Amino acid sequence: MNPDIERARGASGFTLMELLVVIGIIVLLAALVVSSGSPGSSKRHVTQGTKQSIESALERYREEYGEYPEPVNPDETAEIMPGKVYRIGAAKCLYQALRGDGYDAVKGAGSAEKGEPQSDGRVSAEEIKNAILRDMPEGMWRKVGNNYFLVDAFGRPFQYVKADAEKKTNINATYDVWSFAEDDKNIMSTSKDTENDAKLGAKWIKNW
């Protein structure tokens, strides 16, 4: 292989990793910031930073695998808080795809080289090779029952929909990712629902 090409590829990969590390540090610092406003505004600030980190990692994932991750069971639910049931399938997919811990929640990701299929909260030597966000802070994910998934600063699972041109279940041409933030009523609503209800996503932190 041409040495110049090898050097170019190495430089490009290094730049991407540098970017992800910087984003991770920013998220960590944001989480440690002493709020000068209400607790809600502080959580929104941290959630916004986490969302941006997820978006950057998703682009790195697409560069690595040629597509964005897709959840095996997007409609899987769990009671996250007393009386509050959320969809967690996509958040589990994001956790595994970006952290590398397990792969059974990511469609088409099955491989003996990826380590154990179920998440266990740890990243093994085999799994670290698949990690996009290797230094993911613990506050970015949580465990409920046997489920590990990405959460916002409110402790709720991030919502994510990969673009599907045929089903048209999302708004963006790539993917929709959002946090319900302070909204604790419309927690089973989707990004597509906001198209016909301008007020629906007013409290959400979203990428559309």
N, C-alpha and C. Protein backbone atom coordinates (compact mmCIF):
# COMPACT_ATOMS: atom_id res chain seq x y z
N MET A 1 0.85 -1.20 0.00
CA MET A 1 0.00 0.00 0.00
C MET A 1 0.89 1.25 0.00
N ASN A 2 0.45 2.28 -0.68
CA ASN A 2 1.18 3.53 -0.75
C ASN A 2 1.36 4.14 0.64
N PRO A 3 2.61 4.44 1.08
CA PRO A 3 2.84 5.01 2.41
C PRO A 3 2.11 6.32 2.63
N ASP A 4 1.98 7.11 1.56
CA ASP A 4 1.27 8.39 1.69
C ASP A 4 -0.19 8.17 2.05
N ILE A 5 -0.79 7.13 1.45
CA ILE A 5 -2.19 6.82 1.74
C ILE A 5 -2.33 6.38 3.18
N GLU A 6 -1.38 5.55 3.63
CA GLU A 6 -1.42 5.07 5.02
C GLU A 6 -1.31 6.23 5.99
N ARG A 7 -0.38 7.17 5.69
CA ARG A 7 -0.22 8.33 6.56
C ARG A 7 -1.48 9.18 6.58
N ALA A 8 -2.12 9.33 5.42
CA ALA A 8 -3.33 10.15 5.32
C ALA A 8 -4.45 9.55 6.13
N ARG A 9 -4.58 8.21 6.03
CA ARG A 9 -5.63 7.54 6.79
C ARG A 9 -5.37 7.65 8.28
N GLY A 10 -4.12 7.50 8.68
CA GLY A 10 -3.78 7.59 10.09
C GLY A 10 -4.08 8.98 10.63
N ALA A 11 -3.73 10.00 9.85
CA ALA A 11 -3.99 11.37 10.30
C ALA A 11 -5.47 11.62 10.43
N SER A 12 -6.26 11.12 9.46
CA SER A 12 -7.71 11.33 9.49
C SER A 12 -8.33 10.67 10.72
N GLY A 13 -7.92 9.41 11.00
CA GLY A 13 -8.46 8.70 12.15
C GLY A 13 -8.09 9.39 13.44
N PHE A 14 -6.86 9.88 13.51
CA PHE A 14 -6.40 10.57 14.71
C PHE A 14 -7.23 11.83 14.95
N THR A 15 -7.53 12.55 13.87
CA THR A 15 -8.32 13.78 14.01
C THR A 15 -9.72 13.46 14.52
N LEU A 16 -10.33 12.41 14.01
CA LEU A 16 -11.67 12.02 14.45
C LEU A 16 -11.66 11.63 15.93
N MET A 17 -10.66 10.86 16.33
CA MET A 17 -10.57 10.44 17.72
C MET A 17 -10.33 11.63 18.63
N GLU A 18 -9.51 12.56 18.16
CA GLU A 18 -9.28 13.77 18.94
C GLU A 18 -10.59 14.51 19.17
N LEU A 19 -11.38 14.62 18.12
CA LEU A 19 -12.65 15.31 18.21
C LEU A 19 -13.57 14.65 19.22
N LEU A 20 -13.65 13.31 19.18
CA LEU A 20 -14.52 12.59 20.10
C LEU A 20 -14.04 12.73 21.54
N VAL A 21 -12.74 12.72 21.73
CA VAL A 21 -12.20 12.89 23.09
C VAL A 21 -12.55 14.27 23.63
N VAL A 22 -12.38 15.28 22.79
CA VAL A 22 -12.71 16.65 23.22
C VAL A 22 -14.18 16.77 23.57
N ILE A 23 -15.04 16.17 22.73
CA ILE A 23 -16.48 16.21 23.00
C ILE A 23 -16.79 15.53 24.32
N GLY A 24 -16.14 14.37 24.55
CA GLY A 24 -16.36 13.66 25.80
C GLY A 24 -15.95 14.48 27.01
N ILE A 25 -14.85 15.19 26.89
CA ILE A 25 -14.38 16.04 27.99
C ILE A 25 -15.36 17.18 28.23
N ILE A 26 -15.88 17.75 27.15
CA ILE A 26 -16.84 18.84 27.28
C ILE A 26 -18.09 18.37 28.03
N VAL A 27 -18.56 17.17 27.67
CA VAL A 27 -19.73 16.61 28.34
C VAL A 27 -19.45 16.41 29.82
N LEU A 28 -18.28 15.89 30.14
CA LEU A 28 -17.92 15.66 31.54
C LEU A 28 -17.86 16.98 32.30
N LEU A 29 -17.25 17.99 31.70
CA LEU A 29 -17.16 19.29 32.35
C LEU A 29 -18.54 19.91 32.54
N ALA A 30 -19.39 19.75 31.53
CA ALA A 30 -20.74 20.30 31.63
C ALA A 30 -21.49 19.68 32.79
N ALA A 31 -21.28 18.39 33.01
CA ALA A 31 -21.96 17.69 34.10
C ALA A 31 -21.49 18.17 35.45
N LEU A 32 -20.27 18.72 35.51
CA LEU A 32 -19.71 19.17 36.78
C LEU A 32 -19.94 20.65 37.03
N VAL A 33 -20.49 21.33 36.05
CA VAL A 33 -20.72 22.77 36.20
C VAL A 33 -21.74 23.04 37.30
N VAL A 34 -21.43 24.00 38.14
CA VAL A 34 -22.37 24.40 39.18
C VAL A 34 -23.41 25.31 38.54
N SER A 35 -24.64 24.91 38.63
CA SER A 35 -25.70 25.65 37.95
C SER A 35 -25.88 27.05 38.54
N SER A 36 -25.98 28.04 37.65
CA SER A 36 -26.25 29.41 38.09
C SER A 36 -27.73 29.73 37.94
N GLY A 37 -28.49 28.79 37.40
CA GLY A 37 -29.92 28.98 37.24
C GLY A 37 -30.68 27.89 37.95
N SER A 38 -31.84 27.53 37.42
CA SER A 38 -32.65 26.49 38.04
C SER A 38 -32.05 25.13 37.76
N PRO A 39 -32.37 24.12 38.61
CA PRO A 39 -31.88 22.76 38.35
C PRO A 39 -32.28 22.26 36.98
N GLY A 40 -33.48 22.65 36.52
CA GLY A 40 -33.95 22.23 35.21
C GLY A 40 -33.08 22.76 34.10
N SER A 41 -32.65 24.01 34.20
CA SER A 41 -31.81 24.59 33.15
C SER A 41 -30.44 23.93 33.11
N SER A 42 -29.93 23.56 34.28
CA SER A 42 -28.65 22.87 34.35
C SER A 42 -28.74 21.51 33.68
N LYS A 43 -29.84 20.79 33.93
CA LYS A 43 -30.03 19.47 33.32
C LYS A 43 -30.20 19.59 31.81
N ARG A 44 -30.84 20.64 31.38
CA ARG A 44 -30.99 20.85 29.94
C ARG A 44 -29.63 21.10 29.29
N HIS A 45 -28.80 21.86 29.98
CA HIS A 45 -27.47 22.18 29.46
C HIS A 45 -26.65 20.90 29.31
N VAL A 46 -26.66 20.06 30.32
CA VAL A 46 -25.91 18.81 30.27
C VAL A 46 -26.48 17.88 29.20
N THR A 47 -27.81 17.82 29.12
CA THR A 47 -28.46 16.96 28.12
C THR A 47 -28.11 17.41 26.71
N GLN A 48 -28.07 18.71 26.49
CA GLN A 48 -27.71 19.24 25.17
C GLN A 48 -26.29 18.80 24.79
N GLY A 49 -25.38 18.88 25.76
CA GLY A 49 -24.01 18.45 25.50
C GLY A 49 -23.92 16.97 25.22
N THR A 50 -24.70 16.17 25.97
CA THR A 50 -24.70 14.72 25.76
C THR A 50 -25.27 14.38 24.39
N LYS A 51 -26.34 15.07 24.00
CA LYS A 51 -26.94 14.83 22.68
C LYS A 51 -25.92 15.11 21.56
N GLN A 52 -25.19 16.18 21.70
CA GLN A 52 -24.19 16.52 20.69
C GLN A 52 -23.09 15.46 20.64
N SER A 53 -22.74 14.93 21.80
CA SER A 53 -21.74 13.87 21.85
C SER A 53 -22.25 12.62 21.14
N ILE A 54 -23.53 12.30 21.35
CA ILE A 54 -24.14 11.15 20.68
C ILE A 54 -24.14 11.35 19.17
N GLU A 55 -24.49 12.55 18.73
CA GLU A 55 -24.53 12.84 17.29
C GLU A 55 -23.15 12.66 16.65
N SER A 56 -22.12 13.17 17.31
CA SER A 56 -20.76 13.03 16.78
C SER A 56 -20.36 11.57 16.72
N ALA A 57 -20.72 10.81 17.76
CA ALA A 57 -20.39 9.39 17.80
C ALA A 57 -21.14 8.61 16.73
N LEU A 58 -22.37 9.00 16.45
CA LEU A 58 -23.15 8.33 15.41
C LEU A 58 -22.51 8.54 14.03
N GLU A 59 -21.95 9.72 13.81
CA GLU A 59 -21.27 9.97 12.53
C GLU A 59 -20.02 9.12 12.43
N ARG A 60 -19.32 8.96 13.55
CA ARG A 60 -18.13 8.10 13.57
C ARG A 60 -18.53 6.64 13.33
N TYR A 61 -19.66 6.23 13.90
CA TYR A 61 -20.16 4.87 13.70
C TYR A 61 -20.47 4.64 12.22
N ARG A 62 -21.12 5.63 11.59
CA ARG A 62 -21.47 5.50 10.17
C ARG A 62 -20.21 5.40 9.31
N GLU A 63 -19.18 6.16 9.64
CA GLU A 63 -17.93 6.09 8.90
C GLU A 63 -17.29 4.72 9.05
N GLU A 64 -17.44 4.14 10.23
CA GLU A 64 -16.83 2.84 10.52
C GLU A 64 -17.58 1.69 9.88
N TYR A 65 -18.93 1.73 9.93
CA TYR A 65 -19.74 0.59 9.49
C TYR A 65 -20.60 0.86 8.25
N GLY A 66 -20.58 2.09 7.76
CA GLY A 66 -21.30 2.38 6.52
C GLY A 66 -22.77 2.72 6.71
N GLU A 67 -23.26 2.70 7.92
CA GLU A 67 -24.66 3.03 8.20
C GLU A 67 -24.81 3.38 9.68
N TYR A 68 -25.94 3.98 10.00
CA TYR A 68 -26.23 4.28 11.40
C TYR A 68 -26.80 3.02 12.07
N PRO A 69 -26.61 2.87 13.37
CA PRO A 69 -27.14 1.68 14.04
C PRO A 69 -28.66 1.68 14.05
N GLU A 70 -29.22 0.49 14.06
CA GLU A 70 -30.68 0.33 14.08
C GLU A 70 -31.07 -0.60 15.23
N PRO A 71 -32.01 -0.20 16.07
CA PRO A 71 -32.40 -1.05 17.20
C PRO A 71 -33.14 -2.30 16.75
N VAL A 72 -32.88 -3.41 17.43
CA VAL A 72 -33.58 -4.66 17.16
C VAL A 72 -35.04 -4.55 17.55
N ASN A 73 -35.30 -3.96 18.70
CA ASN A 73 -36.68 -3.85 19.20
C ASN A 73 -36.94 -2.42 19.68
N PRO A 74 -37.23 -1.50 18.75
CA PRO A 74 -37.41 -0.09 19.13
C PRO A 74 -38.60 0.15 20.06
N ASP A 75 -39.57 -0.76 20.08
CA ASP A 75 -40.76 -0.56 20.91
C ASP A 75 -40.64 -1.22 22.29
N GLU A 76 -39.48 -1.75 22.61
CA GLU A 76 -39.29 -2.34 23.95
C GLU A 76 -39.44 -1.24 25.01
N THR A 77 -40.15 -1.54 26.08
CA THR A 77 -40.40 -0.55 27.11
C THR A 77 -39.95 -1.03 28.49
N ALA A 78 -39.83 -0.09 29.40
CA ALA A 78 -39.49 -0.41 30.78
C ALA A 78 -40.00 0.73 31.67
N GLU A 79 -40.33 0.39 32.90
CA GLU A 79 -40.75 1.41 33.87
C GLU A 79 -39.49 2.02 34.48
N ILE A 80 -39.18 3.22 34.07
CA ILE A 80 -37.95 3.88 34.49
C ILE A 80 -38.13 4.57 35.84
N MET A 81 -39.30 5.16 36.02
CA MET A 81 -39.65 5.81 37.27
C MET A 81 -41.02 5.29 37.67
N PRO A 82 -41.41 5.38 38.94
CA PRO A 82 -42.71 4.87 39.37
C PRO A 82 -43.85 5.40 38.50
N GLY A 83 -44.52 4.48 37.81
CA GLY A 83 -45.65 4.86 36.97
C GLY A 83 -45.28 5.47 35.64
N LYS A 84 -43.99 5.51 35.30
CA LYS A 84 -43.54 6.13 34.06
C LYS A 84 -42.84 5.08 33.18
N VAL A 85 -43.52 4.71 32.09
CA VAL A 85 -42.99 3.71 31.17
C VAL A 85 -42.46 4.41 29.93
N TYR A 86 -41.23 4.08 29.56
CA TYR A 86 -40.58 4.68 28.40
C TYR A 86 -40.16 3.60 27.40
N ARG A 87 -40.04 4.00 26.15
CA ARG A 87 -39.41 3.12 25.17
C ARG A 87 -37.90 3.14 25.41
N ILE A 88 -37.29 1.97 25.51
CA ILE A 88 -35.86 1.90 25.79
C ILE A 88 -35.07 1.16 24.70
N GLY A 89 -35.77 0.56 23.73
CA GLY A 89 -35.09 -0.24 22.72
C GLY A 89 -34.02 0.53 21.96
N ALA A 90 -34.32 1.76 21.58
CA ALA A 90 -33.36 2.57 20.82
C ALA A 90 -32.21 3.02 21.71
N ALA A 91 -32.50 3.33 22.97
CA ALA A 91 -31.47 3.77 23.90
C ALA A 91 -30.51 2.62 24.22
N LYS A 92 -31.03 1.38 24.24
CA LYS A 92 -30.17 0.21 24.42
C LYS A 92 -29.26 0.04 23.20
N CYS A 93 -29.83 0.24 22.04
CA CYS A 93 -29.08 0.15 20.79
C CYS A 93 -27.94 1.17 20.78
N LEU A 94 -28.23 2.40 21.16
CA LEU A 94 -27.21 3.45 21.19
C LEU A 94 -26.11 3.11 22.19
N TYR A 95 -26.50 2.61 23.35
CA TYR A 95 -25.52 2.25 24.37
C TYR A 95 -24.55 1.20 23.83
N GLN A 96 -25.08 0.14 23.24
CA GLN A 96 -24.23 -0.93 22.74
C GLN A 96 -23.39 -0.48 21.54
N ALA A 97 -24.02 0.24 20.62
CA ALA A 97 -23.32 0.66 19.40
C ALA A 97 -22.18 1.62 19.70
N LEU A 98 -22.36 2.49 20.68
CA LEU A 98 -21.37 3.52 20.95
C LEU A 98 -20.38 3.14 22.04
N ARG A 99 -20.83 2.35 23.03
CA ARG A 99 -19.92 1.95 24.11
C ARG A 99 -19.22 0.63 23.81
N GLY A 100 -19.86 -0.23 23.03
CA GLY A 100 -19.26 -1.50 22.68
C GLY A 100 -19.59 -2.64 23.63
N ASP A 101 -20.40 -2.36 24.64
CA ASP A 101 -20.77 -3.36 25.65
C ASP A 101 -21.98 -4.16 25.17
N GLY A 102 -21.73 -5.32 24.53
CA GLY A 102 -22.83 -6.13 24.01
C GLY A 102 -23.21 -5.71 22.61
N TYR A 103 -24.10 -6.53 21.98
CA TYR A 103 -24.54 -6.19 20.63
C TYR A 103 -25.92 -6.73 20.29
N ASP A 104 -26.59 -7.37 21.23
CA ASP A 104 -27.88 -8.00 20.89
C ASP A 104 -29.02 -7.01 20.68
N ALA A 105 -28.82 -5.74 20.99
CA ALA A 105 -29.85 -4.72 20.77
C ALA A 105 -29.64 -3.95 19.46
N VAL A 106 -28.55 -4.28 18.74
CA VAL A 106 -28.22 -3.60 17.48
C VAL A 106 -28.48 -4.55 16.32
N LYS A 107 -29.38 -4.19 15.44
CA LYS A 107 -29.76 -5.06 14.33
C LYS A 107 -28.56 -5.33 13.42
N GLY A 108 -28.35 -6.61 13.12
CA GLY A 108 -27.29 -6.99 12.20
C GLY A 108 -25.89 -6.92 12.76
N ALA A 109 -25.75 -6.78 14.09
CA ALA A 109 -24.41 -6.62 14.68
C ALA A 109 -23.85 -7.90 15.24
N GLY A 110 -24.56 -9.03 15.13
CA GLY A 110 -24.10 -10.28 15.72
C GLY A 110 -22.78 -10.74 15.15
N SER A 111 -21.83 -11.03 16.05
CA SER A 111 -20.52 -11.51 15.62
C SER A 111 -19.79 -12.10 16.80
N ALA A 112 -19.12 -13.22 16.59
CA ALA A 112 -18.35 -13.86 17.66
C ALA A 112 -17.18 -12.99 18.08
N GLU A 113 -16.78 -12.06 17.20
CA GLU A 113 -15.64 -11.21 17.51
C GLU A 113 -16.01 -10.01 18.37
N LYS A 114 -17.29 -9.83 18.62
CA LYS A 114 -17.73 -8.66 19.36
C LYS A 114 -17.88 -8.91 20.86
N GLY A 115 -17.53 -10.09 21.33
CA GLY A 115 -17.65 -10.38 22.75
C GLY A 115 -19.02 -10.95 23.07
N GLU A 116 -19.47 -10.75 24.31
CA GLU A 116 -20.76 -11.27 24.74
C GLU A 116 -21.90 -10.46 24.14
N PRO A 117 -23.00 -11.11 23.73
CA PRO A 117 -24.11 -10.38 23.12
C PRO A 117 -24.86 -9.47 24.10
N GLN A 118 -25.00 -9.87 25.36
CA GLN A 118 -25.72 -9.06 26.33
C GLN A 118 -24.78 -8.06 27.01
N SER A 119 -25.31 -6.91 27.33
CA SER A 119 -24.54 -5.90 28.05
C SER A 119 -24.40 -6.32 29.51
N ASP A 120 -23.24 -6.00 30.10
CA ASP A 120 -23.05 -6.30 31.52
C ASP A 120 -22.45 -5.12 32.29
N GLY A 121 -22.38 -3.96 31.64
CA GLY A 121 -21.86 -2.78 32.32
C GLY A 121 -20.35 -2.63 32.21
N ARG A 122 -19.69 -3.61 31.61
CA ARG A 122 -18.24 -3.56 31.44
C ARG A 122 -17.90 -3.72 29.96
N VAL A 123 -16.73 -3.24 29.60
CA VAL A 123 -16.27 -3.36 28.21
C VAL A 123 -15.03 -4.24 28.21
N SER A 124 -15.15 -5.43 27.65
CA SER A 124 -14.05 -6.39 27.64
C SER A 124 -13.00 -6.00 26.60
N ALA A 125 -11.90 -6.77 26.61
CA ALA A 125 -10.81 -6.51 25.65
C ALA A 125 -11.30 -6.70 24.22
N GLU A 126 -12.21 -7.67 24.01
CA GLU A 126 -12.76 -7.88 22.67
C GLU A 126 -13.71 -6.74 22.29
N GLU A 127 -14.48 -6.27 23.26
CA GLU A 127 -15.49 -5.25 22.98
C GLU A 127 -14.89 -3.87 22.77
N ILE A 128 -13.77 -3.58 23.42
CA ILE A 128 -13.20 -2.23 23.33
C ILE A 128 -12.85 -1.88 21.89
N LYS A 129 -12.59 -2.89 21.06
CA LYS A 129 -12.28 -2.64 19.65
C LYS A 129 -13.48 -2.09 18.91
N ASN A 130 -14.68 -2.34 19.43
CA ASN A 130 -15.91 -1.88 18.76
C ASN A 130 -16.44 -0.57 19.35
N ALA A 131 -15.79 -0.09 20.40
CA ALA A 131 -16.29 1.10 21.09
C ALA A 131 -16.03 2.36 20.27
N ILE A 132 -17.05 3.17 20.13
CA ILE A 132 -16.92 4.46 19.47
C ILE A 132 -16.59 5.54 20.51
N LEU A 133 -17.29 5.48 21.63
CA LEU A 133 -17.00 6.38 22.76
C LEU A 133 -16.36 5.54 23.87
N ARG A 134 -15.08 5.39 23.82
CA ARG A 134 -14.38 4.53 24.77
C ARG A 134 -14.41 5.08 26.20
N ASP A 135 -14.44 6.38 26.34
CA ASP A 135 -14.44 7.00 27.66
C ASP A 135 -15.81 7.53 28.03
N MET A 136 -16.85 6.78 27.69
CA MET A 136 -18.21 7.22 28.01
C MET A 136 -18.40 7.33 29.52
N PRO A 137 -18.75 8.51 30.04
CA PRO A 137 -18.94 8.66 31.49
C PRO A 137 -20.15 7.88 31.97
N GLU A 138 -20.10 7.39 33.21
CA GLU A 138 -21.18 6.57 33.74
C GLU A 138 -22.50 7.33 33.81
N GLY A 139 -22.45 8.64 33.99
CA GLY A 139 -23.67 9.42 34.05
C GLY A 139 -24.42 9.48 32.73
N MET A 140 -23.80 8.98 31.67
CA MET A 140 -24.42 9.00 30.35
C MET A 140 -25.28 7.77 30.11
N TRP A 141 -25.18 6.79 31.00
CA TRP A 141 -25.98 5.58 30.86
C TRP A 141 -26.43 5.09 32.24
N ARG A 142 -27.43 4.25 32.24
CA ARG A 142 -27.89 3.67 33.48
C ARG A 142 -28.41 2.25 33.24
N LYS A 143 -28.64 1.55 34.33
CA LYS A 143 -29.14 0.19 34.26
C LYS A 143 -30.48 0.11 34.98
N VAL A 144 -31.46 -0.50 34.33
CA VAL A 144 -32.76 -0.78 34.94
C VAL A 144 -33.06 -2.24 34.66
N GLY A 145 -33.16 -3.05 35.70
CA GLY A 145 -33.29 -4.48 35.50
C GLY A 145 -32.02 -5.01 34.86
N ASN A 146 -32.16 -5.70 33.73
CA ASN A 146 -31.00 -6.18 32.99
C ASN A 146 -30.68 -5.31 31.78
N ASN A 147 -31.30 -4.15 31.72
CA ASN A 147 -31.15 -3.27 30.57
C ASN A 147 -30.18 -2.13 30.84
N TYR A 148 -29.27 -1.93 29.90
CA TYR A 148 -28.33 -0.81 29.93
C TYR A 148 -28.68 0.10 28.75
N PHE A 149 -28.80 1.41 29.02
CA PHE A 149 -29.18 2.31 27.94
C PHE A 149 -28.70 3.73 28.21
N LEU A 150 -28.62 4.54 27.15
CA LEU A 150 -28.20 5.93 27.27
C LEU A 150 -29.32 6.78 27.85
N VAL A 151 -28.95 7.69 28.75
CA VAL A 151 -29.95 8.54 29.39
C VAL A 151 -29.55 10.00 29.33
N ASP A 152 -30.55 10.86 29.46
CA ASP A 152 -30.30 12.29 29.54
C ASP A 152 -30.02 12.67 30.99
N ALA A 153 -29.85 13.94 31.25
CA ALA A 153 -29.54 14.39 32.61
C ALA A 153 -30.74 14.28 33.55
N PHE A 154 -31.90 13.98 32.99
CA PHE A 154 -33.10 13.79 33.79
C PHE A 154 -33.27 12.32 34.19
N GLY A 155 -32.33 11.47 33.73
CA GLY A 155 -32.38 10.05 34.05
C GLY A 155 -33.30 9.25 33.16
N ARG A 156 -33.74 9.85 32.04
CA ARG A 156 -34.67 9.18 31.14
C ARG A 156 -33.96 8.73 29.87
N PRO A 157 -34.41 7.65 29.27
CA PRO A 157 -33.72 7.14 28.07
C PRO A 157 -33.81 8.09 26.89
N PHE A 158 -32.69 8.26 26.20
CA PHE A 158 -32.71 9.02 24.96
C PHE A 158 -33.56 8.26 23.95
N GLN A 159 -34.21 9.00 23.08
CA GLN A 159 -35.03 8.43 22.02
C GLN A 159 -34.29 8.60 20.70
N TYR A 160 -34.42 7.58 19.84
CA TYR A 160 -33.66 7.59 18.59
C TYR A 160 -34.43 6.81 17.53
N VAL A 161 -34.49 7.37 16.32
CA VAL A 161 -35.12 6.70 15.19
C VAL A 161 -34.21 6.83 13.98
N LYS A 162 -33.80 5.70 13.44
CA LYS A 162 -33.00 5.71 12.22
C LYS A 162 -33.90 6.00 11.03
N ALA A 163 -33.42 6.76 10.08
CA ALA A 163 -34.23 7.13 8.92
C ALA A 163 -34.63 5.90 8.11
N ASP A 164 -35.87 5.90 7.68
CA ASP A 164 -36.40 4.84 6.83
C ASP A 164 -37.24 5.50 5.76
N ALA A 165 -36.71 5.55 4.54
CA ALA A 165 -37.38 6.25 3.44
C ALA A 165 -38.76 5.68 3.13
N GLU A 166 -38.93 4.38 3.35
CA GLU A 166 -40.22 3.74 3.03
C GLU A 166 -41.25 3.96 4.14
N LYS A 167 -40.85 3.71 5.37
CA LYS A 167 -41.79 3.84 6.49
C LYS A 167 -42.04 5.29 6.88
N LYS A 168 -41.05 6.15 6.62
CA LYS A 168 -41.16 7.58 6.94
C LYS A 168 -41.57 7.79 8.40
N THR A 169 -40.83 7.15 9.30
CA THR A 169 -41.14 7.25 10.72
C THR A 169 -40.35 8.34 11.42
N ASN A 170 -39.59 9.12 10.65
CA ASN A 170 -38.79 10.15 11.27
C ASN A 170 -38.85 11.44 10.44
N ILE A 171 -38.18 12.48 10.94
CA ILE A 171 -38.22 13.79 10.29
C ILE A 171 -36.95 14.04 9.48
N ASN A 172 -35.79 13.79 10.07
CA ASN A 172 -34.53 14.01 9.38
C ASN A 172 -34.24 12.90 8.36
N ALA A 173 -33.38 13.20 7.42
CA ALA A 173 -33.01 12.22 6.40
C ALA A 173 -31.99 11.21 6.93
N THR A 174 -31.44 11.44 8.10
CA THR A 174 -30.43 10.55 8.69
C THR A 174 -31.02 9.80 9.89
N TYR A 175 -31.35 10.54 10.93
CA TYR A 175 -31.94 9.97 12.14
C TYR A 175 -32.50 11.11 12.99
N ASP A 176 -33.40 10.77 13.87
CA ASP A 176 -33.90 11.71 14.87
C ASP A 176 -33.43 11.22 16.22
N VAL A 177 -32.91 12.11 17.02
CA VAL A 177 -32.51 11.77 18.39
C VAL A 177 -33.00 12.88 19.31
N TRP A 178 -33.58 12.49 20.43
CA TRP A 178 -34.13 13.51 21.31
C TRP A 178 -34.25 13.03 22.75
N SER A 179 -34.38 14.04 23.62
CA SER A 179 -34.66 13.83 25.04
C SER A 179 -36.01 14.47 25.32
N PHE A 180 -36.83 13.81 26.14
CA PHE A 180 -38.10 14.41 26.52
C PHE A 180 -37.89 15.55 27.51
N ALA A 181 -36.70 15.62 28.12
CA ALA A 181 -36.35 16.69 29.07
C ALA A 181 -37.41 16.81 30.17
N GLU A 182 -37.98 18.02 30.34
CA GLU A 182 -38.95 18.22 31.42
C GLU A 182 -40.33 17.63 31.14
N ASP A 183 -40.56 17.23 29.91
CA ASP A 183 -41.88 16.71 29.54
C ASP A 183 -42.06 15.29 30.11
N ASP A 184 -42.92 15.16 31.11
CA ASP A 184 -43.17 13.85 31.70
C ASP A 184 -44.57 13.34 31.39
N LYS A 185 -45.19 13.96 30.38
CA LYS A 185 -46.55 13.55 29.99
C LYS A 185 -46.57 12.85 28.62
N ASN A 186 -45.84 13.39 27.67
CA ASN A 186 -45.87 12.86 26.30
C ASN A 186 -44.73 11.89 26.05
N ILE A 187 -44.48 11.01 27.00
CA ILE A 187 -43.28 10.18 26.97
C ILE A 187 -43.37 8.97 26.03
N MET A 188 -44.51 8.77 25.41
CA MET A 188 -44.61 7.71 24.41
C MET A 188 -44.77 8.31 23.01
N SER A 189 -44.66 9.63 22.91
CA SER A 189 -44.76 10.30 21.62
C SER A 189 -43.45 10.13 20.85
N THR A 190 -43.52 10.28 19.53
CA THR A 190 -42.35 10.13 18.68
C THR A 190 -42.02 11.45 17.99
N SER A 191 -40.87 11.50 17.34
CA SER A 191 -40.47 12.71 16.63
C SER A 191 -41.49 13.06 15.56
N LYS A 192 -42.00 12.04 14.87
CA LYS A 192 -42.95 12.26 13.78
C LYS A 192 -44.24 12.93 14.29
N ASP A 193 -44.61 12.64 15.54
CA ASP A 193 -45.82 13.22 16.10
C ASP A 193 -45.76 14.74 16.20
N THR A 194 -44.56 15.30 16.27
CA THR A 194 -44.43 16.75 16.43
C THR A 194 -44.75 17.51 15.14
N GLU A 195 -44.80 16.81 14.02
CA GLU A 195 -45.10 17.49 12.75
C GLU A 195 -46.52 18.06 12.75
N ASN A 196 -47.44 17.38 13.40
CA ASN A 196 -48.84 17.84 13.42
C ASN A 196 -49.21 18.54 14.71
N ASP A 197 -48.25 18.68 15.61
CA ASP A 197 -48.51 19.34 16.88
C ASP A 197 -47.30 20.17 17.26
N ALA A 198 -47.33 21.45 16.92
CA ALA A 198 -46.18 22.32 17.12
C ALA A 198 -45.79 22.46 18.59
N LYS A 199 -46.75 22.29 19.49
CA LYS A 199 -46.47 22.47 20.92
C LYS A 199 -45.93 21.20 21.57
N LEU A 200 -46.09 20.07 20.88
CA LEU A 200 -45.74 18.79 21.49
C LEU A 200 -44.30 18.71 21.95
N GLY A 201 -43.37 19.11 21.10
CA GLY A 201 -41.96 18.98 21.45
C GLY A 201 -41.33 20.24 22.01
N ALA A 202 -42.14 21.15 22.52
CA ALA A 202 -41.63 22.42 23.00
C ALA A 202 -40.60 22.26 24.11
N LYS A 203 -40.77 21.27 24.96
CA LYS A 203 -39.83 21.07 26.07
C LYS A 203 -38.70 20.10 25.73
N TRP A 204 -38.83 19.43 24.59
CA TRP A 204 -37.84 18.42 24.24
C TRP A 204 -36.53 19.05 23.81
N ILE A 205 -35.46 18.28 23.89
CA ILE A 205 -34.15 18.66 23.37
C ILE A 205 -33.93 17.72 22.18
N LYS A 206 -33.90 18.26 20.96
CA LYS A 206 -33.99 17.41 19.77
C LYS A 206 -33.09 17.92 18.65
N ASN A 207 -32.94 17.11 17.62
CA ASN A 207 -32.05 17.47 16.50
C ASN A 207 -32.85 17.81 15.24
N TRP A 208 -34.06 18.32 15.39
CA TRP A 208 -34.82 18.81 14.23
C TRP A 208 -35.55 20.10 14.59
